[in-house]
Amino acid sequence: MTTYLVDVAVGYTGATSDLKLWRERREELGNHQKYRGDKAYVGETAINTPHKKPRNQEISLEHREENRLKAKQRIVVEHLIRLIKIYRVASERFRLKSQNYEAVILTVCGLIRWRIGAIVLSSKNCPEYF
């Protein structure tokens, strides 16, 4: 299985939540695509999320096991984020001219896509994710 960068959102200034970006761009990404997210996306029908623990109750063993499997799948995404943050220009405050920001970030993502092609991330623990 191959890992892909599905979408890159460039040019948002300040703190913008992932959920807000998802809601703004979901039409562009298409309805045929399957999505998985963390607990921040609970309530979004198009995104498969982990089960939350009910208030004043314990989570069932079945839900706990499902969450464990989803965490194994989610780690692939976290590793992609880590690969992007290896490039200091993408992980720290941007100190170059602001009109160069988009080109720099897209270049970093292009380098990551190239690197993934050379070093395919292992997805043997989660083949149904891809």
Protein backbone atom coordinates (compact mmCIF):
# COMPACT_ATOMS: atom_id res chain seq x y z
CA MET A 1 0.00 0.00 0.00
CA THR A 2 1.15 3.54 -0.73
CA THR A 3 0.74 6.60 1.45
CA TYR A 4 -0.39 9.86 -0.16
CA LEU A 5 -0.71 13.49 0.84
CA VAL A 6 -4.38 14.03 0.00
CA ASP A 7 -4.68 17.77 0.51
CA VAL A 8 -2.43 20.70 1.37
CA ALA A 9 -4.01 23.93 2.61
CA VAL A 10 -1.59 26.83 2.26
CA GLY A 11 -2.01 30.45 3.19
CA TYR A 12 -4.17 30.39 6.29
CA THR A 13 -2.85 32.95 8.73
CA GLY A 14 -3.12 32.50 12.45
CA ALA A 15 -4.52 29.51 14.26
CA THR A 16 -7.15 27.71 12.18
CA SER A 17 -8.59 24.43 13.40
CA ASP A 18 -8.44 21.30 11.26
CA LEU A 19 -12.20 20.92 11.57
CA LYS A 20 -12.82 24.41 10.17
CA LEU A 21 -10.52 23.69 7.22
CA TRP A 22 -12.30 20.35 6.64
CA ARG A 23 -15.72 21.98 6.57
CA GLU A 24 -14.55 24.64 4.11
CA ARG A 25 -12.87 22.20 1.72
CA ARG A 26 -14.88 18.96 1.92
CA GLU A 27 -16.72 19.66 -1.36
CA GLU A 28 -13.40 20.01 -3.20
CA LEU A 29 -12.16 16.67 -1.85
CA GLY A 30 -15.14 14.69 -3.13
CA ASN A 31 -17.79 12.46 -1.61
CA HIS A 32 -16.34 9.18 -2.89
CA GLN A 33 -13.25 9.50 -0.66
CA LYS A 34 -13.21 7.81 2.76
CA TYR A 35 -11.85 9.84 5.66
CA ARG A 36 -10.64 9.08 9.15
CA GLY A 37 -10.06 11.58 11.88
CA ASP A 38 -9.31 11.95 15.54
CA LYS A 39 -11.79 12.90 18.27
CA ALA A 40 -11.88 16.51 17.06
CA TYR A 41 -14.02 15.34 14.12
CA VAL A 42 -16.73 13.54 16.16
CA GLY A 43 -20.13 14.36 14.68
CA GLU A 44 -18.96 14.68 11.08
CA THR A 45 -20.80 11.97 9.15
CA ALA A 46 -18.17 11.64 6.40
CA ILE A 47 -15.33 11.01 8.87
CA ASN A 48 -14.80 7.79 10.78
CA THR A 49 -13.69 8.74 14.31
CA PRO A 50 -12.75 6.88 17.51
CA HIS A 51 -15.42 6.18 20.10
CA LYS A 52 -15.54 8.60 23.01
CA LYS A 53 -15.95 7.39 26.56
CA PRO A 54 -19.51 8.03 27.77
CA ARG A 55 -19.84 10.44 30.67
CA ASN A 56 -19.64 8.65 34.06
CA GLN A 57 -19.22 5.27 32.35
CA GLU A 58 -16.47 3.05 31.07
CA ILE A 59 -15.89 2.46 27.39
CA SER A 60 -16.78 -1.07 26.25
CA LEU A 61 -14.04 -3.55 25.39
CA GLU A 62 -15.32 -3.70 21.81
CA HIS A 63 -15.06 0.08 21.40
CA ARG A 64 -11.66 0.07 23.09
CA GLU A 65 -10.37 -2.51 20.60
CA GLU A 66 -11.82 -0.51 17.67
CA ASN A 67 -10.09 2.61 19.00
CA ARG A 68 -6.81 0.70 19.24
CA LEU A 69 -7.10 -0.34 15.58
CA LYS A 70 -7.96 3.22 14.54
CA ALA A 71 -4.92 4.49 16.46
CA LYS A 72 -2.69 2.11 14.50
CA GLN A 73 -4.10 3.58 11.31
CA ARG A 74 -3.84 7.17 12.54
CA ILE A 75 -0.14 6.83 13.30
CA VAL A 76 0.60 6.80 9.56
CA VAL A 77 -0.90 10.30 9.30
CA GLU A 78 1.05 11.47 12.35
CA HIS A 79 4.24 10.21 10.72
CA LEU A 80 3.44 12.26 7.59
CA ILE A 81 3.00 15.37 9.75
CA ARG A 82 6.34 14.59 11.41
CA LEU A 83 8.01 14.33 7.99
CA ILE A 84 6.73 17.79 7.07
CA LYS A 85 7.87 19.28 10.38
CA ILE A 86 11.40 17.97 9.82
CA TYR A 87 11.77 20.98 7.52
CA ARG A 88 12.26 23.87 9.90
CA VAL A 89 10.70 26.37 7.51
CA ALA A 90 7.41 24.44 7.80
CA SER A 91 7.48 23.92 11.56
CA GLU A 92 8.50 27.34 12.88
CA ARG A 93 7.36 30.90 12.35
CA PHE A 94 7.77 31.84 8.68
CA ARG A 95 10.42 34.56 8.47
CA LEU A 96 10.72 35.03 4.72
CA LYS A 97 8.65 37.32 2.50
CA SER A 98 4.99 36.42 2.87
CA GLN A 99 4.47 36.15 -0.89
CA ASN A 100 6.97 33.24 -0.88
CA TYR A 101 5.06 31.26 1.77
CA GLU A 102 2.87 29.20 -0.56
CA ALA A 103 5.76 28.28 -2.85
CA VAL A 104 7.94 27.23 0.09
CA ILE A 105 5.24 25.08 1.74
CA LEU A 106 4.28 23.42 -1.55
CA THR A 107 7.97 22.72 -2.20
CA VAL A 108 8.29 21.07 1.22
CA CYS A 109 5.20 18.95 0.51
CA GLY A 110 6.61 18.05 -2.91
CA LEU A 111 9.85 16.95 -1.27
CA ILE A 112 7.84 14.83 1.17
CA ARG A 113 5.88 13.24 -1.69
CA TRP A 114 9.17 12.47 -3.44
CA ARG A 115 10.66 11.09 -0.22
CA ILE A 116 7.59 8.90 0.38
CA GLY A 117 8.03 7.51 -3.11
CA ALA A 118 11.62 6.64 -2.24
CA ILE A 119 10.83 5.49 1.31
CA VAL A 120 7.36 3.96 1.29
CA LEU A 121 5.83 4.13 4.76
CA SER A 122 4.83 0.77 6.13
CA SER A 123 1.09 0.32 6.23
CA LYS A 124 1.04 -3.41 6.87
CA ASN A 125 -0.70 -2.83 10.21
CA CYS A 126 -3.58 -1.02 8.55
CA PRO A 127 -4.21 -2.19 4.97
CA GLU A 128 -7.90 -1.24 5.08
CA TYR A 129 -6.94 2.40 5.73
CA PHE A 130 -5.64 2.94 2.22
